[in-house]
Protein backbone atom coordinates (compact mmCIF):
# COMPACT_ATOMS: atom_id res chain seq x y z
CA MET A 1 -12.99 22.12 8.96
CA THR A 2 -9.69 21.83 10.82
CA ASP A 3 -6.36 21.88 9.05
CA THR A 4 -6.10 18.09 9.52
CA GLU A 5 -9.27 17.77 7.46
CA ILE A 6 -8.23 19.89 4.49
CA GLU A 7 -9.12 18.05 1.32
CA ILE A 8 -6.01 17.66 -0.80
CA THR A 9 -6.95 17.71 -4.47
CA ALA A 10 -5.08 17.97 -7.75
CA ASP A 11 -6.27 21.56 -8.03
CA LEU A 12 -4.81 22.39 -4.61
CA VAL A 13 -1.49 20.80 -5.50
CA ARG A 14 -1.37 22.75 -8.76
CA ASP A 15 -2.25 26.02 -7.01
CA LEU A 16 0.52 25.50 -4.46
CA LEU A 17 3.01 24.76 -7.21
CA GLN A 18 1.89 27.85 -9.08
CA GLU A 19 2.48 29.96 -5.96
CA GLN A 20 5.86 28.56 -4.91
CA HIS A 21 7.33 26.63 -7.87
CA PRO A 22 5.54 27.90 -10.99
CA ASP A 23 7.95 26.20 -13.38
CA LEU A 24 6.53 22.84 -12.23
CA ALA A 25 2.84 23.80 -12.27
CA GLY A 26 2.30 22.67 -15.86
CA LEU A 27 3.25 19.05 -15.24
CA ALA A 28 0.59 16.36 -15.07
CA ILE A 29 -0.67 15.65 -11.54
CA ARG A 30 -2.03 12.22 -10.53
CA GLU A 31 -2.97 10.98 -7.09
CA VAL A 32 -1.01 8.02 -5.75
CA ALA A 33 -3.14 5.53 -3.82
CA GLY A 34 -2.21 4.83 -0.19
CA GLY A 35 -0.51 6.96 2.39
CA TRP A 36 -1.83 8.09 5.73
CA GLY A 37 0.45 10.55 7.44
CA ASN A 38 1.36 11.97 4.05
CA GLN A 39 -0.43 11.93 0.72
CA MET A 40 1.52 11.49 -2.52
CA TRP A 41 0.82 12.99 -5.92
CA ARG A 42 2.73 12.01 -9.05
CA LEU A 43 4.11 15.08 -10.78
CA GLY A 44 5.02 14.46 -14.38
CA ASP A 45 7.09 11.32 -15.00
CA GLU A 46 10.03 11.90 -12.65
CA LEU A 47 8.70 13.76 -9.59
CA ALA A 48 6.17 13.43 -6.78
CA VAL A 49 4.62 15.86 -4.29
CA ARG A 50 4.52 14.64 -0.69
CA MET A 51 1.79 16.45 1.24
CA GLN A 52 1.65 16.41 5.02
CA ARG A 53 -1.80 15.14 5.92
CA MET A 54 -2.42 13.30 9.20
CA ASP A 55 1.07 13.64 10.66
CA PRO A 56 0.60 16.07 13.57
CA THR A 57 3.99 17.72 13.07
CA PRO A 58 6.22 18.28 10.03
CA GLU A 59 9.09 16.42 11.69
CA LEU A 60 9.02 13.41 9.36
CA GLN A 61 9.16 15.52 6.21
CA LEU A 62 11.83 17.75 7.69
CA ASN A 63 13.92 14.66 8.48
CA GLU A 64 13.69 13.56 4.87
CA ARG A 65 14.55 17.04 3.63
CA ARG A 66 17.65 17.23 5.80
CA TRP A 67 19.10 13.76 5.56
CA LEU A 68 18.05 12.10 2.31
CA PRO A 69 20.21 14.34 0.09
CA MET A 70 23.21 13.17 2.13
CA LEU A 71 22.25 9.48 2.23
CA ALA A 72 20.88 8.94 -1.28
CA PRO A 73 24.15 9.17 -3.27
CA ARG A 74 25.69 6.20 -1.47
CA LEU A 75 22.63 3.92 -1.45
CA PRO A 76 22.49 1.20 -4.14
CA LEU A 77 18.73 1.47 -4.72
CA PRO A 78 16.69 4.49 -5.80
CA VAL A 79 15.18 6.46 -2.92
CA PRO A 80 13.05 9.63 -3.03
CA THR A 81 15.22 12.72 -2.86
CA PRO A 82 13.86 16.22 -2.14
CA VAL A 83 14.28 18.65 -5.03
CA ARG A 84 11.94 21.51 -4.04
CA LEU A 85 10.53 22.63 -0.68
CA GLY A 86 6.93 23.68 -0.15
CA GLU A 87 6.34 25.88 2.86
CA PRO A 88 3.12 26.37 4.87
CA SER A 89 0.88 29.10 3.52
CA GLU A 90 -2.58 30.52 4.00
CA ARG A 91 -3.87 28.10 1.37
CA PHE A 92 -2.26 25.03 2.94
CA PRO A 93 -0.84 25.49 6.46
CA LYS A 94 1.42 22.42 6.33
CA HIS A 95 4.67 21.35 4.73
CA TRP A 96 4.96 19.69 1.35
CA THR A 97 7.96 18.54 -0.62
CA VAL A 98 8.65 17.84 -4.27
CA MET A 99 10.73 14.65 -4.47
CA THR A 100 12.12 12.35 -7.10
CA TRP A 101 9.75 9.57 -8.12
CA VAL A 102 10.89 6.00 -7.43
CA PRO A 103 9.49 3.81 -10.23
CA GLY A 104 8.04 0.40 -9.49
CA GLU A 105 5.02 -1.15 -7.80
CA PRO A 106 4.60 -1.12 -4.00
CA LEU A 107 5.18 -4.60 -2.63
CA ASP A 108 1.79 -4.59 -0.91
CA HIS A 109 0.32 -4.57 -4.43
CA GLY A 110 3.02 -6.68 -6.05
CA SER A 111 5.22 -9.67 -5.37
CA ILE A 112 8.81 -10.91 -5.34
CA SER A 113 9.53 -13.89 -7.60
CA ARG A 114 13.33 -13.63 -7.63
CA GLY A 115 13.84 -14.31 -3.96
CA ASP A 116 17.61 -14.80 -3.91
CA HIS A 117 18.15 -11.64 -5.93
CA ALA A 118 15.85 -9.68 -3.62
CA ALA A 119 17.65 -11.02 -0.53
CA ASP A 120 21.02 -9.94 -1.91
CA THR A 121 19.62 -6.57 -2.99
CA LEU A 122 18.09 -5.82 0.40
CA ALA A 123 21.23 -6.94 2.24
CA SER A 124 23.44 -4.73 0.08
CA PHE A 125 21.12 -1.78 0.59
CA LEU A 126 21.16 -2.17 4.36
CA GLN A 127 24.95 -2.64 4.40
CA ALA A 128 25.23 0.77 2.72
CA LEU A 129 22.63 2.42 4.96
CA HIS A 130 23.79 0.99 8.30
CA VAL A 131 26.82 3.19 8.89
CA GLU A 132 27.48 5.21 12.01
CA ALA A 133 25.12 8.17 12.15
CA PRO A 134 26.21 11.68 13.16
CA ALA A 135 25.49 12.91 16.66
CA GLU A 136 22.72 15.19 15.41
CA ALA A 137 20.80 12.39 13.65
CA PRO A 138 17.21 11.92 14.82
CA ILE A 139 16.53 9.54 17.70
CA THR A 140 13.12 8.01 18.31
CA THR A 141 11.50 6.46 21.35
CA ASP A 142 8.77 4.34 19.72
CA ARG A 143 11.07 2.75 17.13
CA GLY A 144 14.65 1.79 17.75
CA ALA A 145 14.32 0.53 21.30
CA HIS A 146 15.28 -2.96 22.44
CA PRO A 147 12.33 -5.35 22.14
CA ARG A 148 12.11 -5.48 25.94
CA ASN A 149 11.02 -1.83 25.82
CA CYS A 150 8.30 -2.53 23.25
CA THR A 151 6.36 -5.12 25.22
CA ASP A 152 3.21 -2.99 25.48
CA ASP A 153 2.97 -2.64 21.69
CA PHE A 154 3.62 -6.33 21.15
CA GLU A 155 0.98 -7.32 23.70
CA SER A 156 -1.56 -4.99 22.13
CA PHE A 157 -1.05 -6.46 18.66
CA PHE A 158 -0.77 -10.02 20.01
CA GLN A 159 -4.04 -9.85 21.93
CA ALA A 160 -5.83 -8.34 18.95
CA VAL A 161 -4.83 -10.67 16.13
CA ALA A 162 -2.48 -13.52 17.10
CA PRO A 163 -4.04 -16.77 15.76
CA ASP A 164 -4.75 -19.23 18.57
CA ASP A 165 -3.04 -22.14 16.82
CA ILE A 166 0.34 -20.39 16.69
CA ALA A 167 0.06 -17.95 19.61
CA ALA A 168 2.44 -19.89 21.85
CA ASP A 169 5.06 -20.07 19.09
CA VAL A 170 4.78 -16.35 18.38
CA ARG A 171 5.21 -15.52 22.06
CA ALA A 172 8.26 -17.80 22.26
CA VAL A 173 9.91 -15.86 19.41
CA TRP A 174 9.14 -12.58 21.16
CA ASP A 175 10.41 -13.78 24.53
CA ASP A 176 13.64 -14.91 22.89
CA ALA A 177 14.11 -11.44 21.37
CA VAL A 178 13.46 -9.79 24.73
CA ALA A 179 16.16 -11.99 26.27
CA ALA A 180 18.75 -11.19 23.58
CA HIS A 181 21.69 -8.88 24.29
CA ALA A 182 21.23 -5.24 23.32
CA TRP A 183 22.96 -3.53 20.41
CA GLU A 184 26.41 -2.50 21.63
CA GLY A 185 27.74 -0.76 18.54
CA PRO A 186 27.46 2.93 17.68
CA PRO A 187 24.02 4.15 16.55
CA VAL A 188 23.71 3.57 12.81
CA TRP A 189 21.31 4.95 10.24
CA VAL A 190 18.08 2.92 10.26
CA HIS A 191 15.15 3.28 7.85
CA GLY A 192 12.87 2.17 10.69
CA ASP A 193 9.71 1.40 8.74
CA LEU A 194 10.44 -1.33 6.21
CA HIS A 195 7.10 -2.94 5.39
CA PRO A 196 5.47 -3.91 2.08
CA ALA A 197 4.05 -0.44 1.34
CA ASN A 198 7.44 1.23 1.74
CA VAL A 199 9.40 -0.76 -0.82
CA VAL A 200 8.81 -1.02 -4.56
CA VAL A 201 9.38 -3.97 -6.85
CA SER A 202 9.88 -4.52 -10.55
CA ASP A 203 10.97 -7.51 -12.61
CA GLY A 204 10.26 -9.75 -9.62
CA THR A 205 12.71 -8.15 -7.21
CA LEU A 206 13.26 -5.09 -5.02
CA SER A 207 13.87 -1.95 -7.04
CA GLY A 208 13.52 0.95 -4.58
CA ILE A 209 12.93 2.02 -0.98
CA VAL A 210 10.57 4.87 -0.04
CA ASP A 211 9.22 6.78 2.98
CA PHE A 212 12.22 7.64 5.13
CA GLY A 213 10.26 9.89 7.48
CA CYS A 214 10.81 7.52 10.43
CA MET A 215 14.57 7.18 9.91
CA PHE A 216 16.65 7.32 13.05
CA ALA A 217 20.02 6.48 14.55
CA GLY A 218 19.94 3.27 16.53
CA ASP A 219 19.80 -0.54 16.45
CA PRO A 220 19.95 -2.03 12.92
CA ALA A 221 17.78 -4.96 14.04
CA TRP A 222 14.74 -2.79 13.29
CA ASP A 223 15.64 -2.99 9.61
CA LEU A 224 16.95 -6.56 9.70
CA ALA A 225 13.41 -7.67 10.58
CA ALA A 226 12.68 -7.08 6.88
CA ALA A 227 14.33 -10.45 6.18
CA TRP A 228 10.99 -11.98 7.19
CA VAL A 229 8.58 -9.08 6.66
CA LEU A 230 9.55 -8.44 3.03
CA LEU A 231 11.42 -11.40 1.58
CA PRO A 232 9.90 -14.70 0.35
CA ALA A 233 10.07 -17.85 2.45
CA GLY A 234 13.44 -19.54 2.57
CA THR A 235 15.56 -16.48 1.81
CA ALA A 236 16.25 -15.06 5.28
CA SER A 237 19.39 -17.17 5.68
CA ARG A 238 20.80 -15.92 2.38
CA PHE A 239 19.97 -12.34 3.41
CA PHE A 240 21.92 -12.63 6.67
CA ASP A 241 24.84 -14.35 4.93
CA THR A 242 25.08 -11.47 2.45
CA TYR A 243 24.57 -8.78 5.09
CA ALA A 244 27.33 -10.44 7.13
CA ARG A 245 27.22 -8.04 10.09
CA ALA A 246 24.46 -9.47 12.28
CA ASP A 247 25.50 -11.53 15.28
CA GLU A 248 23.22 -14.07 16.96
CA ALA A 249 21.70 -11.46 19.31
CA ALA A 250 20.90 -9.10 16.44
CA ILE A 251 19.15 -11.89 14.53
CA ARG A 252 17.14 -12.82 17.62
CA ARG A 253 16.08 -9.19 18.16
CA ALA A 254 15.26 -8.82 14.48
CA ARG A 255 13.14 -11.97 14.45
CA GLY A 256 11.12 -10.79 17.44
CA LEU A 257 10.63 -7.38 15.87
CA ALA A 258 9.53 -9.10 12.66
CA ALA A 259 6.90 -10.96 14.67
CA MET A 260 5.63 -7.68 16.12
CA LYS A 261 5.62 -5.99 12.69
CA SER A 262 3.74 -8.96 11.21
CA LEU A 263 1.08 -8.69 13.89
CA PHE A 264 0.80 -4.97 13.19
CA LEU A 265 0.23 -5.66 9.49
CA MET A 266 -2.45 -8.19 10.44
CA LEU A 267 -4.12 -5.62 12.71
CA MET A 268 -4.12 -3.02 9.93
CA GLY A 269 -5.67 -5.64 7.68
CA GLN A 270 -8.34 -6.38 10.27
CA ASN A 271 -9.07 -2.66 10.56
CA GLY A 272 -9.40 -2.46 6.79
CA ASP A 273 -11.82 -5.37 6.73
CA ARG A 274 -13.90 -3.53 9.31
CA GLY A 275 -13.81 -0.27 7.37
CA LEU A 276 -11.91 1.59 10.08
CA PRO A 277 -9.88 4.71 9.22
CA GLY A 278 -6.36 3.89 8.11
CA GLY A 279 -7.10 0.20 7.67
CA LYS A 280 -5.46 -1.69 4.81
CA PRO A 281 -7.38 -4.86 3.85
CA ASN A 282 -4.53 -6.24 1.73
CA TRP A 283 -2.06 -5.97 4.62
CA GLY A 284 -3.74 -8.77 6.57
CA PRO A 285 -2.67 -11.64 4.28
CA ALA A 286 0.79 -10.07 3.93
CA GLY A 287 1.15 -9.96 7.70
CA ARG A 288 0.05 -13.55 8.18
CA ALA A 289 2.45 -14.76 5.49
CA ALA A 290 5.27 -12.82 7.16
CA LEU A 291 4.39 -14.31 10.55
CA ASP A 292 4.54 -17.80 9.07
CA ARG A 293 8.02 -17.01 7.75
CA VAL A 294 9.09 -15.72 11.17
CA LEU A 295 8.06 -18.98 12.81
CA LYS A 296 10.14 -20.99 10.36
CA GLY A 297 13.27 -19.20 11.57
CA VAL A 298 16.33 -18.21 9.57
């Protein structure tokens, strides 16, 4: 068994806590469904243990450890904040982190019924997050690029799952994003991975944002795509009005990126239907619904 195949169980989590943070080892431990690169375990009522699983390097967890304590205090929604660090050991040769628990239900298992409230909430959150990042902030090559540099990914998803009846319309949205001017401002903090499994909802609206492992400094359009990927139909315009910082080019880039993200969700759903590793059957309908919203525009 390789270290990528280590079975992570409640007993393993408790043993690791006993070794490195024994004052927490007596708390109840419950597995949290979902997760791929990392596996989550609920620890008591207020904490969670994030275990590196399929991620080949600890970089994503180390990013969260370094930057979330700085970002969290000025964000208007709860986000997971590291409180204890778990280091690789003979028992588990990977990183793990004890973080605050963000209450709510993941959007891929829930819904938003208060669309205007959610649009305002998301816009306010991204206003607070999208400030100029320090020079040492992480930079990524697969996320954060202009859509014109992501054509291979788009084509892969498009060929795999784009419905024939709307394929031409989807491509037109993408081509328009590729033609839009690039981001000309300073690199800002970007979550980078806003999709239904990485936000939580309660009382019919957004109540928290999770999984900041992909955060980077770059083009905010990567987060602005959430106007279509996360929010109900008819609320994108309100979102952009409240956000108030996106020019026409940013909205065009964001809409194209939302199309690509929607296709990715559909592909993950297809993989789930086929029983492939990492597939998420419930992501398929979410992706198709998001793609329909993209095609309706702002």
